[in-house]
């Protein structure tokens, strides 16, 4: 219940909220006041700061990987396999 009121009135986010919204934080998709509260939390919470830094580094590494295109039949094979699994689970 306390988190509910913090979210409504803009209190500092908790660790769970920081982890959930860390992508938006890194992409600067949070409103400026919320960005400030996230940064304030990160300034005093080592585990959350480590999480966000690790996520940022991971995203950076993934963006440097070469793009690979799936073969044209890949989508159809996934659709067929999903249908087969659905039928076997019924």
N, C-alpha and C. Protein backbone atom coordinates (compact mmCIF):
# COMPACT_ATOMS: atom_id res chain seq x y z
N UNK A 1 0.82 -1.19 0.00
CA UNK A 1 0.00 0.00 0.00
C UNK A 1 0.86 1.26 0.00
N UNK A 2 1.98 1.19 0.71
CA UNK A 2 2.88 2.34 0.76
C UNK A 2 3.44 2.63 -0.63
N UNK A 3 3.82 1.58 -1.37
CA UNK A 3 4.33 1.78 -2.73
C UNK A 3 3.30 2.42 -3.63
N UNK A 4 2.02 2.08 -3.43
CA UNK A 4 0.95 2.68 -4.21
C UNK A 4 0.97 4.20 -4.05
N UNK A 5 1.05 4.68 -2.80
CA UNK A 5 1.06 6.12 -2.56
C UNK A 5 2.36 6.77 -3.02
N UNK A 6 3.48 6.05 -2.89
CA UNK A 6 4.74 6.59 -3.41
C UNK A 6 4.64 6.82 -4.91
N UNK A 7 4.05 5.85 -5.63
CA UNK A 7 3.91 5.99 -7.08
C UNK A 7 3.00 7.14 -7.45
N UNK A 8 1.92 7.33 -6.69
CA UNK A 8 0.99 8.43 -6.98
C UNK A 8 1.63 9.78 -6.71
N UNK A 9 2.31 9.89 -5.57
CA UNK A 9 2.85 11.18 -5.17
C UNK A 9 4.32 11.38 -5.53
N UNK A 10 4.90 10.43 -6.25
CA UNK A 10 6.24 10.62 -6.79
C UNK A 10 7.37 10.42 -5.82
N UNK A 11 7.20 9.58 -4.84
CA UNK A 11 8.29 9.30 -3.91
C UNK A 11 9.40 8.54 -4.60
N UNK A 12 10.47 8.35 -3.85
CA UNK A 12 11.61 7.62 -4.41
C UNK A 12 11.22 6.17 -4.69
N UNK A 13 11.62 5.65 -5.84
CA UNK A 13 11.26 4.27 -6.18
C UNK A 13 12.01 3.28 -5.30
N UNK A 14 11.42 2.12 -5.11
CA UNK A 14 12.08 1.04 -4.39
C UNK A 14 12.92 0.23 -5.36
N UNK A 15 13.65 -0.72 -4.81
CA UNK A 15 14.55 -1.54 -5.63
C UNK A 15 13.79 -2.30 -6.72
N UNK A 16 12.63 -2.86 -6.39
CA UNK A 16 11.86 -3.62 -7.39
C UNK A 16 11.44 -2.71 -8.54
N UNK A 17 11.01 -1.50 -8.22
CA UNK A 17 10.59 -0.57 -9.27
C UNK A 17 11.78 -0.14 -10.13
N UNK A 18 12.93 0.04 -9.51
CA UNK A 18 14.12 0.41 -10.27
C UNK A 18 14.48 -0.70 -11.25
N UNK A 19 14.44 -1.94 -10.79
CA UNK A 19 14.75 -3.06 -11.69
C UNK A 19 13.73 -3.14 -12.82
N UNK A 20 12.45 -2.96 -12.52
CA UNK A 20 11.41 -3.05 -13.53
C UNK A 20 11.51 -1.95 -14.58
N UNK A 21 11.89 -0.76 -14.17
CA UNK A 21 11.91 0.38 -15.09
C UNK A 21 13.31 0.78 -15.52
N UNK A 22 14.28 -0.08 -15.30
CA UNK A 22 15.66 0.29 -15.62
C UNK A 22 15.87 0.51 -17.12
N UNK A 23 15.18 -0.24 -17.96
CA UNK A 23 15.32 -0.01 -19.41
C UNK A 23 14.83 1.38 -19.79
N UNK A 24 13.68 1.75 -19.25
CA UNK A 24 13.16 3.09 -19.53
C UNK A 24 14.11 4.17 -19.01
N UNK A 25 14.71 3.91 -17.85
CA UNK A 25 15.67 4.84 -17.29
C UNK A 25 16.87 5.00 -18.22
N UNK A 26 17.41 3.88 -18.69
CA UNK A 26 18.59 3.93 -19.57
C UNK A 26 18.27 4.58 -20.91
N UNK A 27 17.04 4.43 -21.38
CA UNK A 27 16.65 5.04 -22.66
C UNK A 27 16.12 6.46 -22.48
N UNK A 28 16.17 6.97 -21.25
CA UNK A 28 15.68 8.31 -20.91
C UNK A 28 14.21 8.47 -21.30
N UNK A 29 13.43 7.41 -21.08
CA UNK A 29 12.00 7.44 -21.39
C UNK A 29 11.14 7.75 -20.18
N UNK A 30 11.76 8.13 -19.07
CA UNK A 30 11.01 8.51 -17.88
C UNK A 30 10.89 10.03 -17.84
N UNK A 31 9.80 10.55 -17.29
CA UNK A 31 9.70 12.01 -17.16
C UNK A 31 10.84 12.54 -16.29
N UNK A 32 11.29 13.77 -16.55
CA UNK A 32 12.43 14.32 -15.80
C UNK A 32 12.34 14.19 -14.28
N UNK A 33 11.20 14.45 -13.65
CA UNK A 33 11.18 14.28 -12.19
C UNK A 33 11.41 12.83 -11.77
N UNK A 34 10.89 11.90 -12.55
CA UNK A 34 11.07 10.48 -12.23
C UNK A 34 12.52 10.05 -12.48
N UNK A 35 13.14 10.60 -13.52
CA UNK A 35 14.56 10.33 -13.77
C UNK A 35 15.39 10.74 -12.55
N UNK A 36 15.04 11.89 -12.00
CA UNK A 36 15.78 12.41 -10.84
C UNK A 36 15.62 11.49 -9.63
N UNK A 37 14.41 10.97 -9.41
CA UNK A 37 14.21 10.09 -8.26
C UNK A 37 14.93 8.75 -8.46
N UNK A 38 14.97 8.29 -9.71
CA UNK A 38 15.72 7.06 -10.00
C UNK A 38 17.20 7.28 -9.73
N UNK A 39 17.73 8.39 -10.20
CA UNK A 39 19.15 8.69 -9.99
C UNK A 39 19.45 8.82 -8.50
N UNK A 40 18.54 9.44 -7.75
CA UNK A 40 18.73 9.56 -6.31
C UNK A 40 18.80 8.17 -5.66
N UNK A 41 17.94 7.27 -6.09
CA UNK A 41 17.97 5.91 -5.55
C UNK A 41 19.29 5.22 -5.91
N UNK A 42 19.71 5.35 -7.16
CA UNK A 42 20.95 4.71 -7.60
C UNK A 42 22.17 5.26 -6.86
N UNK A 43 22.12 6.54 -6.50
CA UNK A 43 23.24 7.16 -5.79
C UNK A 43 23.47 6.54 -4.41
N UNK A 44 22.43 5.94 -3.84
CA UNK A 44 22.59 5.39 -2.50
C UNK A 44 22.34 3.89 -2.40
N UNK A 45 22.08 3.23 -3.54
CA UNK A 45 21.79 1.80 -3.51
C UNK A 45 22.75 1.07 -4.45
N UNK A 46 23.80 0.53 -3.88
CA UNK A 46 24.82 -0.17 -4.67
C UNK A 46 24.29 -1.33 -5.50
N UNK A 47 23.44 -2.19 -4.94
CA UNK A 47 22.92 -3.30 -5.74
C UNK A 47 22.12 -2.84 -6.97
N UNK A 48 21.31 -1.80 -6.80
CA UNK A 48 20.54 -1.29 -7.95
C UNK A 48 21.46 -0.64 -8.97
N UNK A 49 22.45 0.09 -8.50
CA UNK A 49 23.41 0.71 -9.42
C UNK A 49 24.15 -0.37 -10.20
N UNK A 50 24.55 -1.44 -9.54
CA UNK A 50 25.24 -2.54 -10.23
C UNK A 50 24.31 -3.18 -11.26
N UNK A 51 23.03 -3.35 -10.92
CA UNK A 51 22.07 -3.93 -11.85
C UNK A 51 21.94 -3.06 -13.10
N UNK A 52 21.75 -1.76 -12.91
CA UNK A 52 21.57 -0.85 -14.04
C UNK A 52 22.85 -0.77 -14.88
N UNK A 53 24.00 -0.73 -14.24
CA UNK A 53 25.26 -0.70 -14.99
C UNK A 53 25.47 -1.99 -15.78
N UNK A 54 25.11 -3.13 -15.20
CA UNK A 54 25.24 -4.40 -15.90
C UNK A 54 24.29 -4.46 -17.09
N UNK A 55 23.06 -4.00 -16.88
CA UNK A 55 22.09 -3.96 -17.98
C UNK A 55 22.59 -3.06 -19.10
N UNK A 56 23.11 -1.90 -18.75
CA UNK A 56 23.63 -0.97 -19.74
C UNK A 56 24.79 -1.59 -20.53
N UNK A 57 25.69 -2.26 -19.82
CA UNK A 57 26.83 -2.90 -20.49
C UNK A 57 26.35 -4.03 -21.41
N UNK A 58 25.37 -4.79 -20.95
CA UNK A 58 24.83 -5.89 -21.76
C UNK A 58 24.18 -5.36 -23.03
N UNK A 59 23.39 -4.32 -22.89
CA UNK A 59 22.76 -3.70 -24.07
C UNK A 59 23.82 -3.20 -25.03
N UNK A 60 24.86 -2.59 -24.49
CA UNK A 60 25.94 -2.09 -25.34
C UNK A 60 26.63 -3.20 -26.10
N UNK A 61 26.88 -4.33 -25.43
CA UNK A 61 27.51 -5.46 -26.11
C UNK A 61 26.60 -6.04 -27.19
N UNK A 62 25.32 -6.14 -26.89
CA UNK A 62 24.38 -6.71 -27.85
C UNK A 62 24.24 -5.84 -29.10
N UNK A 63 24.33 -4.53 -28.92
CA UNK A 63 24.20 -3.65 -30.09
C UNK A 63 25.40 -3.74 -31.01
N UNK A 64 26.53 -4.25 -30.49
CA UNK A 64 27.72 -4.38 -31.33
C UNK A 64 27.78 -5.71 -32.09
N UNK A 65 26.88 -6.62 -31.77
CA UNK A 65 26.86 -7.89 -32.49
C UNK A 65 26.31 -7.69 -33.90
N UNK A 66 26.81 -8.46 -34.85
CA UNK A 66 26.29 -8.33 -36.22
C UNK A 66 24.84 -8.82 -36.28
N UNK A 67 24.06 -8.17 -37.11
CA UNK A 67 22.67 -8.59 -37.31
C UNK A 67 22.65 -9.85 -38.15
N UNK A 68 21.77 -10.75 -37.78
CA UNK A 68 21.63 -12.01 -38.50
C UNK A 68 20.18 -12.14 -38.92
N UNK A 69 19.97 -12.49 -40.17
CA UNK A 69 18.61 -12.69 -40.67
C UNK A 69 18.27 -14.17 -40.61
N UNK A 70 17.05 -14.44 -40.16
CA UNK A 70 16.58 -15.82 -40.13
C UNK A 70 16.19 -16.24 -41.54
N UNK A 71 16.30 -17.52 -41.83
CA UNK A 71 15.87 -17.98 -43.16
C UNK A 71 14.37 -17.75 -43.33
N UNK A 72 13.91 -17.57 -44.56
CA UNK A 72 12.49 -17.29 -44.80
C UNK A 72 11.55 -18.35 -44.23
N UNK A 73 11.97 -19.58 -44.15
CA UNK A 73 11.10 -20.64 -43.65
C UNK A 73 11.01 -20.68 -42.12
N UNK A 74 11.81 -19.88 -41.44
CA UNK A 74 11.88 -19.93 -39.98
C UNK A 74 10.54 -19.60 -39.33
N UNK A 75 9.91 -18.52 -39.77
CA UNK A 75 8.63 -18.11 -39.18
C UNK A 75 7.59 -19.21 -39.36
N UNK A 76 7.50 -19.77 -40.54
CA UNK A 76 6.52 -20.82 -40.80
C UNK A 76 6.80 -22.05 -39.95
N UNK A 77 8.06 -22.41 -39.77
CA UNK A 77 8.37 -23.59 -38.96
C UNK A 77 7.98 -23.38 -37.50
N UNK A 78 8.12 -22.17 -36.99
CA UNK A 78 7.72 -21.88 -35.62
C UNK A 78 6.20 -21.97 -35.49
N UNK A 79 5.49 -21.42 -36.44
CA UNK A 79 4.02 -21.49 -36.42
C UNK A 79 3.56 -22.95 -36.43
N UNK A 80 4.14 -23.75 -37.30
CA UNK A 80 3.76 -25.17 -37.38
C UNK A 80 4.09 -25.92 -36.09
N UNK A 81 5.24 -25.65 -35.53
CA UNK A 81 5.63 -26.34 -34.29
C UNK A 81 4.72 -25.93 -33.13
N UNK A 82 4.35 -24.66 -33.08
CA UNK A 82 3.44 -24.18 -32.03
C UNK A 82 2.09 -24.86 -32.15
N UNK A 83 1.59 -24.98 -33.37
CA UNK A 83 0.31 -25.67 -33.58
C UNK A 83 0.40 -27.13 -33.14
N UNK A 84 1.51 -27.79 -33.46
CA UNK A 84 1.70 -29.19 -33.07
C UNK A 84 1.72 -29.33 -31.55
N UNK A 85 2.40 -28.43 -30.89
CA UNK A 85 2.47 -28.50 -29.43
C UNK A 85 1.12 -28.21 -28.81
N UNK A 86 0.38 -27.26 -29.38
CA UNK A 86 -0.97 -26.97 -28.88
C UNK A 86 -1.86 -28.20 -29.00
N UNK A 87 -1.78 -28.88 -30.13
CA UNK A 87 -2.60 -30.07 -30.35
C UNK A 87 -2.22 -31.21 -29.41
N UNK A 88 -0.94 -31.34 -29.12
CA UNK A 88 -0.50 -32.42 -28.24
C UNK A 88 -0.84 -32.13 -26.78
N UNK A 89 -1.03 -30.86 -26.44
CA UNK A 89 -1.37 -30.49 -25.05
C UNK A 89 -2.87 -30.56 -24.78
N UNK A 90 -3.66 -30.77 -25.81
CA UNK A 90 -5.12 -30.80 -25.62
C UNK A 90 -5.62 -32.14 -25.27
